[in-house]
Protein backbone atom coordinates (compact mmCIF):
# COMPACT_ATOMS: atom_id res chain seq x y z
CA UNK A 1 6.63 35.03 13.22
CA UNK A 2 6.79 33.47 16.31
CA UNK A 3 2.91 33.78 16.42
CA UNK A 4 3.22 32.18 13.04
CA UNK A 5 5.64 29.66 14.42
CA UNK A 6 3.04 28.37 17.03
CA UNK A 7 0.07 28.31 15.27
CA UNK A 8 1.60 26.29 12.51
CA UNK A 9 3.17 24.11 15.46
CA UNK A 10 -0.40 23.66 17.15
CA UNK A 11 -2.29 23.01 13.56
CA UNK A 12 0.32 20.22 12.92
CA UNK A 13 0.00 18.58 16.51
CA UNK A 14 -3.69 18.72 15.57
CA UNK A 15 -3.05 17.33 12.18
CA UNK A 16 -1.12 14.20 13.66
CA UNK A 17 -3.51 13.64 16.04
CA UNK A 18 -6.42 13.70 13.55
CA UNK A 19 -4.61 11.61 11.35
CA UNK A 20 -3.88 8.97 13.82
CA UNK A 21 -6.94 8.45 15.43
CA UNK A 22 -8.40 8.54 11.86
CA UNK A 23 -6.53 5.63 10.76
CA UNK A 24 -6.39 3.49 14.17
CA UNK A 25 -10.08 3.01 13.64
CA UNK A 26 -10.00 1.50 10.77
CA UNK A 27 -6.84 0.18 10.31
CA UNK A 28 -7.95 -3.35 11.60
CA UNK A 29 -9.15 -4.87 8.72
CA UNK A 30 -11.89 -7.81 9.53
CA UNK A 31 -13.18 -10.54 7.43
CA UNK A 32 -16.95 -10.60 8.24
CA UNK A 33 -19.45 -13.27 8.46
CA UNK A 34 -23.07 -12.72 9.88
CA UNK A 35 -26.29 -14.23 9.70
CA UNK A 36 -24.39 -17.66 11.38
CA UNK A 37 -27.52 -20.14 12.74
CA UNK A 38 -27.29 -22.41 15.04
CA UNK A 39 -29.77 -24.53 17.04
CA UNK A 40 -29.89 -26.94 20.18
CA UNK A 41 -32.73 -28.70 22.49
CA UNK A 42 -33.47 -26.23 25.29
CA UNK A 43 -32.58 -28.87 28.08
CA UNK A 44 -31.43 -29.31 31.75
CA UNK A 45 -27.55 -29.34 30.45
CA UNK A 46 -28.23 -26.40 27.92
CA UNK A 47 -25.01 -23.24 27.53
CA UNK A 48 -25.35 -20.87 25.77
CA UNK A 49 -21.86 -20.54 25.67
CA UNK A 50 -21.61 -24.25 23.61
CA UNK A 51 -23.88 -23.07 21.09
CA UNK A 52 -21.96 -19.73 20.71
CA UNK A 53 -18.79 -21.71 20.82
CA UNK A 54 -20.46 -23.88 17.53
CA UNK A 55 -21.15 -20.81 16.15
CA UNK A 56 -17.62 -19.60 15.66
CA UNK A 57 -16.55 -22.84 14.54
CA UNK A 58 -19.58 -22.88 11.95
CA UNK A 59 -18.51 -19.01 11.22
CA UNK A 60 -14.92 -20.18 10.47
CA UNK A 61 -15.51 -22.79 8.29
CA UNK A 62 -17.80 -20.51 6.28
CA UNK A 63 -15.00 -18.28 5.85
CA UNK A 64 -12.41 -20.80 5.21
CA UNK A 65 -14.51 -22.39 2.28
CA UNK A 66 -14.40 -18.86 0.51
CA UNK A 67 -11.21 -18.21 0.94
CA UNK A 68 -9.67 -21.39 -0.45
CA UNK A 69 -9.79 -24.45 -3.11
CA UNK A 70 -12.23 -27.55 -2.61
CA UNK A 71 -9.19 -29.54 -1.44
CA UNK A 72 -7.97 -27.97 1.72
CA UNK A 73 -11.31 -28.10 3.24
CA UNK A 74 -10.36 -31.37 5.30
CA UNK A 75 -7.50 -29.53 6.28
CA UNK A 76 -9.26 -27.30 8.33
CA UNK A 77 -12.62 -29.56 9.67
CA UNK A 78 -10.71 -30.47 13.05
CA UNK A 79 -9.51 -26.99 13.86
CA UNK A 80 -9.32 -26.46 17.57
CA UNK A 81 -11.62 -23.80 19.05
CA UNK A 82 -8.81 -22.19 20.72
CA UNK A 83 -7.18 -21.11 17.32
CA UNK A 84 -10.20 -20.35 16.35
CA UNK A 85 -10.47 -17.82 19.26
CA UNK A 86 -7.13 -16.52 19.08
CA UNK A 87 -8.78 -15.15 15.11
CA UNK A 88 -11.41 -13.73 16.10
CA UNK A 89 -12.03 -9.66 16.90
CA UNK A 90 -15.75 -9.39 18.04
CA UNK A 91 -19.08 -11.16 17.46
CA UNK A 92 -22.12 -9.62 18.11
CA UNK A 93 -25.53 -11.87 18.85
CA UNK A 94 -28.00 -10.59 15.87
CA UNK A 95 -30.95 -12.82 16.92
CA UNK A 96 -32.17 -15.27 19.65
CA UNK A 97 -35.43 -17.02 20.12
CA UNK A 98 -36.95 -20.22 22.06
CA UNK A 99 -39.47 -21.31 19.65
CA UNK A 100 -41.07 -25.66 21.30
CA UNK A 101 -38.37 -26.12 23.73
CA UNK A 102 -35.66 -25.43 21.05
CA UNK A 103 -32.71 -22.51 21.11
CA UNK A 104 -31.94 -20.39 18.05
CA UNK A 105 -29.02 -17.87 17.54
CA UNK A 106 -28.19 -16.05 15.10
CA UNK A 107 -24.23 -15.15 15.11
CA UNK A 108 -22.26 -11.98 13.41
CA UNK A 109 -18.31 -12.98 13.43
CA UNK A 110 -15.46 -10.65 12.63
CA UNK A 111 -12.32 -12.70 11.67
CA UNK A 112 -8.53 -10.84 12.33
CA UNK A 113 -7.62 -10.52 8.32
CA UNK A 114 -3.77 -10.54 8.89
CA UNK A 115 -4.07 -13.38 11.42
CA UNK A 116 -6.20 -15.57 8.89
CA UNK A 117 -3.61 -15.01 6.20
CA UNK A 118 -0.78 -15.55 8.62
CA UNK A 119 -2.53 -19.06 9.20
CA UNK A 120 -2.98 -19.77 5.77
CA UNK A 121 0.47 -19.08 4.78
CA UNK A 122 1.92 -21.19 7.55
CA UNK A 123 0.30 -23.82 6.27
CA UNK A 124 0.84 -22.84 2.34
CA UNK A 125 -2.05 -22.75 1.46
CA UNK A 126 -2.55 -19.36 -0.82
CA UNK A 127 -6.15 -17.76 0.04
CA UNK A 128 -8.66 -16.43 -2.46
CA UNK A 129 -10.02 -12.46 -2.84
CA UNK A 130 -13.14 -13.26 -1.71
CA UNK A 131 -14.92 -12.25 -5.05
CA UNK A 132 -18.41 -12.56 -5.77
CA UNK A 133 -19.42 -13.00 -9.39
CA UNK A 134 -22.50 -13.47 -11.86
CA UNK A 135 -21.76 -16.31 -14.60
CA UNK A 136 -24.27 -17.07 -17.28
CA UNK A 137 -24.08 -20.97 -17.49
CA UNK A 138 -24.97 -23.28 -20.20
CA UNK A 139 -24.80 -26.71 -19.80
CA UNK A 140 -25.52 -29.02 -22.94
CA UNK A 141 -25.89 -32.44 -22.69
CA UNK A 142 -24.82 -34.61 -25.84
CA UNK A 143 -26.05 -38.05 -26.11
CA UNK A 144 -23.28 -39.58 -28.21
CA UNK A 145 -25.11 -42.65 -28.84
CA UNK A 146 -27.62 -40.75 -30.41
CA UNK A 147 -26.23 -37.85 -31.57
CA UNK A 148 -28.57 -35.57 -29.56
CA UNK A 149 -28.79 -32.75 -27.16
CA UNK A 150 -30.42 -32.14 -24.46
CA UNK A 151 -30.45 -28.53 -23.27
CA UNK A 152 -33.15 -25.83 -21.15
CA UNK A 153 -35.80 -28.11 -19.00
CA UNK A 154 -35.39 -31.58 -20.34
CA UNK A 155 -31.59 -31.52 -18.70
CA UNK A 156 -31.62 -32.47 -15.10
CA UNK A 157 -28.12 -30.58 -14.90
CA UNK A 158 -30.19 -27.30 -15.82
CA UNK A 159 -33.12 -27.86 -13.70
CA UNK A 160 -31.34 -28.77 -10.33
CA UNK A 161 -28.39 -26.34 -10.78
CA UNK A 162 -29.33 -23.67 -8.63
CA UNK A 163 -31.05 -25.97 -5.65
CA UNK A 164 -29.36 -25.75 -2.44
CA UNK A 165 -26.95 -23.16 -3.14
CA UNK A 166 -24.07 -23.53 -0.64
CA UNK A 167 -23.73 -20.43 1.19
CA UNK A 168 -20.10 -19.64 0.79
CA UNK A 169 -20.48 -19.88 -2.89
CA UNK A 170 -18.45 -16.93 -4.82
CA UNK A 171 -19.95 -17.26 -8.01
CA UNK A 172 -23.76 -16.75 -8.46
CA UNK A 173 -24.91 -18.55 -12.04
CA UNK A 174 -27.49 -17.34 -14.76
CA UNK A 175 -29.34 -20.13 -16.28
CA UNK A 176 -30.27 -19.32 -19.78
CA UNK A 177 -33.80 -19.07 -20.67
CA UNK A 178 -35.98 -21.41 -23.33
CA UNK A 179 -34.89 -20.17 -26.33
CA UNK A 180 -35.95 -22.66 -29.39
CA UNK A 181 -33.95 -20.14 -31.76
CA UNK A 182 -30.77 -20.78 -29.19
CA UNK A 183 -32.09 -24.55 -29.49
CA UNK A 184 -31.97 -24.81 -33.01
CA UNK A 185 -28.84 -22.75 -33.40
CA UNK A 186 -26.78 -24.92 -30.84
CA UNK A 187 -28.35 -27.81 -33.06
CA UNK A 188 -27.14 -26.95 -36.51
CA UNK A 189 -23.74 -26.74 -34.72
CA UNK A 190 -23.59 -29.59 -32.92
CA UNK A 191 -20.93 -31.41 -35.66
CA UNK A 192 -18.88 -28.56 -34.46
CA UNK A 193 -20.12 -28.35 -31.39
CA UNK A 194 -16.59 -28.03 -29.51
CA UNK A 195 -15.16 -25.56 -31.26
CA UNK A 196 -18.58 -23.12 -31.49
CA UNK A 197 -18.07 -19.85 -29.74
CA UNK A 198 -21.57 -19.08 -28.20
CA UNK A 199 -20.85 -15.33 -28.96
CA UNK A 200 -24.16 -15.03 -30.44
CA UNK A 201 -26.64 -17.12 -27.14
CA UNK A 202 -24.17 -15.29 -24.26
CA UNK A 203 -24.23 -11.76 -25.77
CA UNK A 204 -27.89 -11.04 -24.70
CA UNK A 205 -27.47 -11.55 -21.47
CA UNK A 206 -25.13 -8.60 -21.22
CA UNK A 207 -22.62 -10.43 -19.08
CA UNK A 208 -18.99 -10.56 -19.58
CA UNK A 209 -18.60 -13.85 -17.69
CA UNK A 210 -19.74 -17.36 -18.67
CA UNK A 211 -19.69 -20.91 -18.33
CA UNK A 212 -19.97 -23.45 -20.90
CA UNK A 213 -20.54 -26.96 -20.23
CA UNK A 214 -20.42 -30.08 -22.68
CA UNK A 215 -21.43 -33.09 -21.19
CA UNK A 216 -20.80 -35.79 -23.89
CA UNK A 217 -22.46 -39.13 -22.72
CA UNK A 218 -21.78 -42.76 -23.88
CA UNK A 219 -22.40 -45.77 -22.27
CA UNK A 220 -21.15 -45.73 -18.95
CA UNK A 221 -18.59 -42.93 -19.33
CA UNK A 222 -19.27 -38.68 -18.51
CA UNK A 223 -16.76 -36.31 -20.76
CA UNK A 224 -17.42 -32.79 -19.84
CA UNK A 225 -15.67 -30.09 -21.92
CA UNK A 226 -15.79 -26.55 -20.14
CA UNK A 227 -15.21 -23.51 -21.09
CA UNK A 228 -14.87 -20.62 -18.64
CA UNK A 229 -15.08 -16.69 -20.28
CA UNK A 230 -14.54 -13.57 -18.06
CA UNK A 231 -12.87 -10.62 -18.96
CA UNK A 232 -9.44 -11.07 -18.98
CA UNK A 233 -9.47 -15.69 -19.43
CA UNK A 234 -10.85 -18.21 -21.60
CA UNK A 235 -10.01 -21.29 -19.47
CA UNK A 236 -10.65 -24.38 -20.75
CA UNK A 237 -11.27 -28.07 -18.66
CA UNK A 238 -11.58 -31.79 -19.42
CA UNK A 239 -13.29 -34.03 -17.02
CA UNK A 240 -14.61 -37.21 -16.77
CA UNK A 241 -16.74 -39.88 -14.69
CA UNK A 242 -17.34 -43.47 -15.42
CA UNK A 243 -20.91 -45.06 -13.96
CA UNK A 244 -22.44 -41.94 -12.95
CA UNK A 245 -26.57 -42.03 -13.95
CA UNK A 246 -27.71 -38.35 -14.43
CA UNK A 247 -31.31 -40.09 -14.28
CA UNK A 248 -30.28 -40.96 -10.33
CA UNK A 249 -30.96 -38.11 -7.99
CA UNK A 250 -27.59 -39.30 -5.63
CA UNK A 251 -25.88 -39.48 -8.50
CA UNK A 252 -26.89 -36.01 -10.04
CA UNK A 253 -26.05 -34.20 -7.35
CA UNK A 254 -22.83 -36.03 -6.71
CA UNK A 255 -22.37 -34.42 -10.79
CA UNK A 256 -23.37 -31.29 -10.07
CA UNK A 257 -21.44 -30.79 -6.77
CA UNK A 258 -18.17 -31.38 -8.62
CA UNK A 259 -19.00 -29.69 -11.16
CA UNK A 260 -19.59 -26.18 -9.17
CA UNK A 261 -16.08 -27.29 -6.89
CA UNK A 262 -14.12 -26.97 -10.22
CA UNK A 263 -16.06 -23.73 -11.34
CA UNK A 264 -15.52 -22.26 -7.92
CA UNK A 265 -11.67 -23.14 -7.83
CA UNK A 266 -10.68 -21.73 -10.97
CA UNK A 267 -12.68 -18.42 -10.16
CA UNK A 268 -10.38 -18.77 -6.90
CA UNK A 269 -7.40 -19.32 -8.50
CA UNK A 270 -7.97 -16.58 -11.18
CA UNK A 271 -8.07 -14.54 -8.26
CA UNK A 272 -5.66 -15.82 -6.04
CA UNK A 273 -3.71 -14.02 -3.44
CA UNK A 274 0.51 -14.66 -3.36
CA UNK A 275 0.32 -14.26 0.55
CA UNK A 276 4.62 -14.68 0.44
CA UNK A 277 4.95 -11.61 -1.44
CA UNK A 278 5.25 -8.37 -0.14
CA UNK A 279 5.84 -5.57 -2.71
CA UNK A 280 6.67 -2.54 0.12
CA UNK A 281 4.89 0.81 -1.74
CA UNK A 282 5.32 4.25 -0.39
CA UNK A 283 3.45 6.52 -1.48
CA UNK A 284 2.59 10.25 -0.57
CA UNK A 285 -0.53 12.15 -0.33
CA UNK A 286 -1.45 16.06 0.16
CA UNK A 287 -2.15 16.41 3.74
CA UNK A 288 -4.75 19.53 3.04
CA UNK A 289 -7.35 17.20 2.46
CA UNK A 290 -8.61 15.36 5.80
CA UNK A 291 -11.43 13.84 3.54
CA UNK A 292 -9.28 12.93 0.67
CA UNK A 293 -6.73 10.89 2.74
CA UNK A 294 -9.55 9.33 5.28
CA UNK A 295 -10.97 8.10 2.23
CA UNK A 296 -7.58 6.71 0.52
CA UNK A 297 -7.20 4.93 3.59
CA UNK A 298 -10.64 3.40 3.55
CA UNK A 299 -10.07 2.00 -0.12
CA UNK A 300 -6.80 0.36 1.03
CA UNK A 301 -8.73 -1.60 3.33
CA UNK A 302 -11.03 -2.51 0.98
CA UNK A 303 -8.03 -3.97 -1.73
CA UNK A 304 -7.69 -7.96 -0.06
CA UNK A 305 -3.94 -7.42 -1.47
CA UNK A 306 -3.33 -5.09 0.88
CA UNK A 307 -1.19 -6.62 3.84
CA UNK A 308 -1.23 -3.58 5.81
CA UNK A 309 -0.66 0.10 5.43
CA UNK A 310 0.70 2.36 8.52
CA UNK A 311 1.54 5.82 8.13
CA UNK A 312 5.62 6.41 8.30
CA UNK A 313 5.45 10.15 8.75
CA UNK A 314 3.93 13.69 8.46
CA UNK A 315 5.14 16.84 7.04
CA UNK A 316 3.34 20.34 6.28
CA UNK A 317 2.79 19.14 3.07
CA UNK A 318 2.16 15.51 3.11
CA UNK A 319 1.27 12.24 4.70
CA UNK A 320 3.70 9.04 3.96
CA UNK A 321 2.34 5.71 3.65
CA UNK A 322 4.09 2.36 3.46
CA UNK A 323 1.67 -0.53 1.75
CA UNK A 324 2.71 -3.47 1.93
CA UNK A 325 0.65 -5.16 -1.13
CA UNK A 326 0.83 -9.25 -2.15
CA UNK A 327 0.93 -8.63 -5.80
CA UNK A 328 2.99 -6.73 -8.19
CA UNK A 329 3.71 -2.81 -9.05
CA UNK A 330 1.40 -3.50 -12.41
CA UNK A 331 -1.14 -4.83 -10.25
CA UNK A 332 -1.32 -2.25 -7.53
CA UNK A 333 -1.21 0.36 -10.03
CA UNK A 334 -4.79 -1.25 -11.99
CA UNK A 335 -6.08 -1.59 -8.81
CA UNK A 336 -5.68 2.23 -7.73
CA UNK A 337 -6.47 3.32 -11.55
CA UNK A 338 -9.17 1.63 -11.11
CA UNK A 339 -10.07 3.08 -7.97
CA UNK A 340 -9.87 6.85 -10.13
CA UNK A 341 -6.94 7.55 -8.41
CA UNK A 342 -3.70 9.16 -10.35
CA UNK A 343 -0.20 7.91 -9.35
CA UNK A 344 3.03 9.53 -10.17
CA UNK A 345 5.65 6.86 -10.06
CA UNK A 346 8.40 8.35 -11.16
CA UNK A 347 10.22 9.06 -7.81
CA UNK A 348 11.06 6.19 -5.42
CA UNK A 349 7.99 7.95 -3.20
CA UNK A 350 5.02 8.38 -5.49
CA UNK A 351 2.40 11.09 -5.39
CA UNK A 352 -1.29 10.92 -5.71
CA UNK A 353 -2.02 13.38 -7.81
């Protein structure tokens, strides 16, 4: 019995060491911003550190533009470099080269997730999950003066929409292909276009997300009725613009950028993280399967709504985790269910079965 007791103690301590170090290695969740490109003339006063510092700021803004709504962007334009550096975990020079007396640098920067979220919380800004998604986008111009519609390649919005895409945009837009049948279908429903559901057209693209923008043009005003659909939401937005000429490149770009900001902000609102909510969850998992527990930890790190987690204790049967979650109990259960975890929630400490 003494021998068996010592043998058990040995393996118990060994499991503690293995789990401690495996958790420490992956615990620090970070935001990875890659392929940040900076250049500067290679002159007498050239300073590589100055170029890297410029890359840090550019990477930080790239991250912030993904996390926050467009109304908050200006709040970060004058962010002090020292503050940005304090939230950086690591960085790497992915490429550097000299071309015609010009120095080119490509940088990768890792930001500490917890520090970023804490900083935004202090500024009373709720971040969004960085969730990139594809949407079908159908813009339709209705010229009310002549009761006519403009769609597909005759539509300047359609033609310009996917030009000059910003790297921080979360929505990837699929434009509809030119289809005479679709055109006739829309034209047939022109009188009831605001209530028409477009399902006969959208179902052809096998996408769960789509945006329909009805752009009513008359005299000096453009009114836009937009319907944004995804699996769980149907959102209607109304906007108006005065004195815009969609045949003018500058006005057209302004109009396009405003609509894109509206769609991005709406998508971010859907995926908003309320960092002021820190729900404490206690979960135990059997410790006889190292691969399963490592996968569980990896999955926790991949969930943006998980603020932090830690291993509270071990015994001979289970590993006990405490998880801080920025959301509701049901939200966590749904996320874990989608990741194929079966949670027994009958007791105070939940069990992964």
